[in-house]
Amino acid sequence: MQRREVLKTVAGAVVVAMASSAMAATATQEHEHHHDHGNGTADGKSYANLIDSSSDCLKTGEACVAHCLVLLGEGDKEMAACAQSVSELLASCGALMKLASQGSKFTPAMARVVADVCASCETECRKHENKHEQCKACADSCAACLKECKALAA
């Protein structure tokens, strides 16, 4: 008798597993994907270049501000303005990248603000580009992001 009970239990478990699998497959098939995946907006505008350029500003900006902090710690007060401008860049480009990734209607307005921040940061970083490769990389990223921001505003 024990063998029959074990077989009934196993058979019941198999039936439940098969039913669960079938329900999961049906649920997956019924889910339609009509939403955007972060490359643009519902009206078809693509923010991919803006996302890439603001992301690059974040990457190079983080390296630049880290370098500035080391130099400030060593007493190089000349880097204070650079660190401040890069800090502003990081905050604004982070916001722009998030808005653009979500296809937000506020992306063009934020891009106009970020254009000003990028121009300011590029100017400050260019003062140190011959001495510090991190500043040059940040300035170059700022220039590229500024170009994308202006393209969106046009």
C-alpha atoms as a PDB file:
ATOM      1  CA  MET A   1       0.000   0.000   0.000  1.00  0.00           C
ATOM      2  CA  GLN A   2       2.793   2.432   0.701  1.00  0.00           C
ATOM      3  CA  ARG A   3       4.044   2.153  -2.827  1.00  0.00           C
ATOM      4  CA  ARG A   4       0.628   3.132  -4.198  1.00  0.00           C
ATOM      5  CA  GLU A   5       0.489   6.175  -1.918  1.00  0.00           C
ATOM      6  CA  VAL A   6       3.939   7.309  -3.035  1.00  0.00           C
ATOM      7  CA  LEU A   7       2.967   6.896  -6.696  1.00  0.00           C
ATOM      8  CA  LYS A   8      -0.259   8.873  -6.144  1.00  0.00           C
ATOM      9  CA  THR A   9       1.691  11.666  -4.449  1.00  0.00           C
ATOM     10  CA  VAL A  10       4.306  11.782  -7.209  1.00  0.00           C
ATOM     11  CA  ALA A  11       1.629  11.712  -9.912  1.00  0.00           C
ATOM     12  CA  GLY A  12      -0.238  14.548  -8.171  1.00  0.00           C
ATOM     13  CA  ALA A  13       2.939  16.619  -7.945  1.00  0.00           C
ATOM     14  CA  VAL A  14       3.635  16.096 -11.649  1.00  0.00           C
ATOM     15  CA  VAL A  15       0.105  17.211 -12.567  1.00  0.00           C
ATOM     16  CA  VAL A  16       0.443  20.350 -10.405  1.00  0.00           C
ATOM     17  CA  ALA A  17       3.860  21.151 -11.903  1.00  0.00           C
ATOM     18  CA  MET A  18       2.553  20.731 -15.447  1.00  0.00           C
ATOM     19  CA  ALA A  19      -0.456  22.919 -14.747  1.00  0.00           C
ATOM     20  CA  SER A  20       1.723  25.613 -13.199  1.00  0.00           C
ATOM     21  CA  SER A  21       4.060  25.520 -16.178  1.00  0.00           C
ATOM     22  CA  ALA A  22       1.166  25.837 -18.609  1.00  0.00           C
ATOM     23  CA  MET A  23      -0.294  28.787 -16.691  1.00  0.00           C
ATOM     24  CA  ALA A  24       3.097  30.532 -16.624  1.00  0.00           C
ATOM     25  CA  ALA A  25       3.523  30.033 -20.377  1.00  0.00           C
ATOM     26  CA  THR A  26       0.061  31.458 -21.030  1.00  0.00           C
ATOM     27  CA  ALA A  27       0.730  34.471 -18.825  1.00  0.00           C
ATOM     28  CA  THR A  28       4.007  35.142 -20.635  1.00  0.00           C
ATOM     29  CA  GLN A  29       2.355  34.889 -24.053  1.00  0.00           C
ATOM     30  CA  GLU A  30      -0.430  37.265 -23.077  1.00  0.00           C
ATOM     31  CA  HIS A  31       1.960  40.000 -21.891  1.00  0.00           C
ATOM     32  CA  GLU A  32       2.375  42.454 -24.748  1.00  0.00           C
ATOM     33  CA  HIS A  33       5.295  44.869 -24.904  1.00  0.00           C
ATOM     34  CA  HIS A  34       4.099  48.276 -26.029  1.00  0.00           C
ATOM     35  CA  HIS A  35       6.327  50.341 -23.818  1.00  0.00           C
ATOM     36  CA  ASP A  36       9.589  52.061 -24.694  1.00  0.00           C
ATOM     37  CA  HIS A  37      12.897  50.575 -23.600  1.00  0.00           C
ATOM     38  CA  GLY A  38      14.714  53.772 -22.773  1.00  0.00           C
ATOM     39  CA  ASN A  39      16.005  54.752 -26.196  1.00  0.00           C
ATOM     40  CA  GLY A  40      13.452  57.399 -26.985  1.00  0.00           C
ATOM     41  CA  THR A  41      10.014  58.731 -26.440  1.00  0.00           C
ATOM     42  CA  ALA A  42       6.519  57.687 -27.333  1.00  0.00           C
ATOM     43  CA  ASP A  43       6.528  60.223 -30.187  1.00  0.00           C
ATOM     44  CA  GLY A  44       9.511  58.500 -31.809  1.00  0.00           C
ATOM     45  CA  LYS A  45      12.284  60.917 -30.827  1.00  0.00           C
ATOM     46  CA  SER A  46      15.456  59.130 -29.924  1.00  0.00           C
ATOM     47  CA  TYR A  47      17.546  60.264 -26.987  1.00  0.00           C
ATOM     48  CA  ALA A  48      20.163  57.540 -27.462  1.00  0.00           C
ATOM     49  CA  ASN A  49      22.990  59.970 -28.293  1.00  0.00           C
ATOM     50  CA  LEU A  50      22.042  62.204 -25.386  1.00  0.00           C
ATOM     51  CA  ILE A  51      21.995  59.210 -23.037  1.00  0.00           C
ATOM     52  CA  ASP A  52      25.417  58.107 -24.282  1.00  0.00           C
ATOM     53  CA  SER A  53      27.009  61.539 -24.018  1.00  0.00           C
ATOM     54  CA  SER A  54      25.611  62.297 -20.550  1.00  0.00           C
ATOM     55  CA  SER A  55      26.699  58.839 -19.406  1.00  0.00           C
ATOM     56  CA  ASP A  56      30.206  59.505 -20.682  1.00  0.00           C
ATOM     57  CA  CYS A  57      30.229  62.840 -18.810  1.00  0.00           C
ATOM     58  CA  LEU A  58      29.354  60.964 -15.638  1.00  0.00           C
ATOM     59  CA  LYS A  59      32.190  58.499 -16.164  1.00  0.00           C
ATOM     60  CA  THR A  60      34.881  61.058 -16.948  1.00  0.00           C
ATOM     61  CA  GLY A  61      33.493  63.501 -14.396  1.00  0.00           C
ATOM     62  CA  GLU A  62      33.788  60.965 -11.594  1.00  0.00           C
ATOM     63  CA  ALA A  63      37.443  60.382 -12.499  1.00  0.00           C
ATOM     64  CA  CYS A  64      38.093  64.113 -12.707  1.00  0.00           C
ATOM     65  CA  VAL A  65      36.509  65.008  -9.372  1.00  0.00           C
ATOM     66  CA  ALA A  66      38.323  62.122  -7.684  1.00  0.00           C
ATOM     67  CA  HIS A  67      41.609  63.440  -9.068  1.00  0.00           C
ATOM     68  CA  CYS A  68      40.727  66.978  -7.960  1.00  0.00           C
ATOM     69  CA  LEU A  69      40.032  65.755  -4.429  1.00  0.00           C
ATOM     70  CA  VAL A  70      43.427  64.047  -4.249  1.00  0.00           C
ATOM     71  CA  LEU A  71      45.140  67.224  -5.405  1.00  0.00           C
ATOM     72  CA  LEU A  72      43.112  69.360  -3.008  1.00  0.00           C
ATOM     73  CA  GLY A  73      44.147  67.014  -0.212  1.00  0.00           C
ATOM     74  CA  GLU A  74      47.754  67.623  -1.189  1.00  0.00           C
ATOM     75  CA  GLY A  75      47.190  71.375  -0.874  1.00  0.00           C
ATOM     76  CA  ASP A  76      46.609  72.297  -4.553  1.00  0.00           C
ATOM     77  CA  LYS A  77      43.851  74.877  -4.039  1.00  0.00           C
ATOM     78  CA  GLU A  78      43.904  75.665  -7.750  1.00  0.00           C
ATOM     79  CA  MET A  79      41.688  72.614  -8.301  1.00  0.00           C
ATOM     80  CA  ALA A  80      38.820  73.827  -6.104  1.00  0.00           C
ATOM     81  CA  ALA A  81      36.931  75.534  -8.939  1.00  0.00           C
ATOM     82  CA  CYS A  82      37.393  72.486 -11.162  1.00  0.00           C
ATOM     83  CA  ALA A  83      36.071  70.167  -8.448  1.00  0.00           C
ATOM     84  CA  GLN A  84      33.052  72.446  -7.941  1.00  0.00           C
ATOM     85  CA  SER A  85      32.191  72.623 -11.643  1.00  0.00           C
ATOM     86  CA  VAL A  86      32.560  68.860 -12.070  1.00  0.00           C
ATOM     87  CA  SER A  87      30.352  68.280  -9.034  1.00  0.00           C
ATOM     88  CA  GLU A  88      27.638  70.393 -10.684  1.00  0.00           C
ATOM     89  CA  LEU A  89      28.175  68.467 -13.911  1.00  0.00           C
ATOM     90  CA  LEU A  90      27.697  65.127 -12.177  1.00  0.00           C
ATOM     91  CA  ALA A  91      24.408  66.214 -10.615  1.00  0.00           C
ATOM     92  CA  SER A  92      22.972  67.677 -13.803  1.00  0.00           C
ATOM     93  CA  CYS A  93      24.156  64.976 -16.225  1.00  0.00           C
ATOM     94  CA  GLY A  94      22.840  62.295 -13.883  1.00  0.00           C
ATOM     95  CA  ALA A  95      19.417  63.896 -13.954  1.00  0.00           C
ATOM     96  CA  LEU A  96      19.545  64.352 -17.741  1.00  0.00           C
ATOM     97  CA  MET A  97      20.525  60.748 -18.344  1.00  0.00           C
ATOM     98  CA  LYS A  98      17.660  59.496 -16.174  1.00  0.00           C
ATOM     99  CA  LEU A  99      15.087  61.735 -17.831  1.00  0.00           C
ATOM    100  CA  ALA A 100      16.303  60.846 -21.329  1.00  0.00           C
ATOM    101  CA  SER A 101      16.363  57.132 -20.475  1.00  0.00           C
ATOM    102  CA  GLN A 102      12.733  57.362 -19.407  1.00  0.00           C
ATOM    103  CA  GLY A 103      11.737  59.379 -22.464  1.00  0.00           C
ATOM    104  CA  SER A 104      10.541  62.151 -20.163  1.00  0.00           C
ATOM    105  CA  LYS A 105       8.822  65.204 -21.600  1.00  0.00           C
ATOM    106  CA  PHE A 106      11.179  67.259 -19.392  1.00  0.00           C
ATOM    107  CA  THR A 107      14.285  66.038 -21.244  1.00  0.00           C
ATOM    108  CA  PRO A 108      14.542  69.015 -23.647  1.00  0.00           C
ATOM    109  CA  ALA A 109      14.247  71.531 -20.792  1.00  0.00           C
ATOM    110  CA  MET A 110      16.855  69.681 -18.751  1.00  0.00           C
ATOM    111  CA  ALA A 111      19.130  69.486 -21.803  1.00  0.00           C
ATOM    112  CA  ARG A 112      19.063  73.305 -22.026  1.00  0.00           C
ATOM    113  CA  VAL A 113      20.212  73.559 -18.398  1.00  0.00           C
ATOM    114  CA  VAL A 114      22.846  70.855 -18.838  1.00  0.00           C
ATOM    115  CA  ALA A 115      24.202  72.660 -21.906  1.00  0.00           C
ATOM    116  CA  ASP A 116      25.092  75.610 -19.665  1.00  0.00           C
ATOM    117  CA  VAL A 117      26.606  73.342 -17.012  1.00  0.00           C
ATOM    118  CA  CYS A 118      28.667  71.462 -19.613  1.00  0.00           C
ATOM    119  CA  ALA A 119      29.940  74.715 -21.133  1.00  0.00           C
ATOM    120  CA  SER A 120      30.998  75.968 -17.698  1.00  0.00           C
ATOM    121  CA  CYS A 121      32.656  72.692 -16.731  1.00  0.00           C
ATOM    122  CA  GLU A 122      34.459  72.430 -20.061  1.00  0.00           C
ATOM    123  CA  THR A 123      35.867  75.941 -19.607  1.00  0.00           C
ATOM    124  CA  GLU A 124      37.124  75.117 -16.117  1.00  0.00           C
ATOM    125  CA  CYS A 125      38.599  71.742 -17.062  1.00  0.00           C
ATOM    126  CA  ARG A 126      40.361  73.180 -20.141  1.00  0.00           C
ATOM    127  CA  LYS A 127      42.468  75.289 -17.736  1.00  0.00           C
ATOM    128  CA  HIS A 128      44.067  72.078 -16.468  1.00  0.00           C
ATOM    129  CA  GLU A 129      43.939  69.797 -19.525  1.00  0.00           C
ATOM    130  CA  ASN A 130      47.647  70.063 -20.314  1.00  0.00           C
ATOM    131  CA  LYS A 131      48.594  69.100 -16.774  1.00  0.00           C
ATOM    132  CA  HIS A 132      45.914  66.533 -15.871  1.00  0.00           C
ATOM    133  CA  GLU A 133      44.577  63.909 -18.288  1.00  0.00           C
ATOM    134  CA  GLN A 134      41.407  63.521 -16.174  1.00  0.00           C
ATOM    135  CA  CYS A 135      40.571  67.181 -16.759  1.00  0.00           C
ATOM    136  CA  LYS A 136      41.135  66.814 -20.510  1.00  0.00           C
ATOM    137  CA  ALA A 137      38.904  63.748 -20.698  1.00  0.00           C
ATOM    138  CA  CYS A 138      36.195  65.525 -18.717  1.00  0.00           C
ATOM    139  CA  ALA A 139      36.421  68.647 -20.898  1.00  0.00           C
ATOM    140  CA  ASP A 140      36.164  66.534 -24.070  1.00  0.00           C
ATOM    141  CA  SER A 141      33.101  64.729 -22.682  1.00  0.00           C
ATOM    142  CA  CYS A 142      31.541  68.053 -21.751  1.00  0.00           C
ATOM    143  CA  ALA A 143      32.042  69.312 -25.301  1.00  0.00           C
ATOM    144  CA  ALA A 144      30.373  66.218 -26.761  1.00  0.00           C
ATOM    145  CA  CYS A 145      27.449  66.405 -24.332  1.00  0.00           C
ATOM    146  CA  LEU A 146      27.050  70.135 -25.007  1.00  0.00           C
ATOM    147  CA  LYS A 147      26.804  69.339 -28.727  1.00  0.00           C
ATOM    148  CA  GLU A 148      24.061  66.735 -28.092  1.00  0.00           C
ATOM    149  CA  CYS A 149      22.162  69.088 -25.785  1.00  0.00           C
ATOM    150  CA  LYS A 150      22.240  71.823 -28.402  1.00  0.00           C
ATOM    151  CA  ALA A 151      21.133  69.386 -31.114  1.00  0.00           C
ATOM    152  CA  LEU A 152      18.061  68.530 -29.042  1.00  0.00           C
ATOM    153  CA  ALA A 153      17.241  72.190 -28.481  1.00  0.00           C
ATOM    154  CA  ALA A 154      17.507  72.955 -32.214  1.00  0.00           C
END
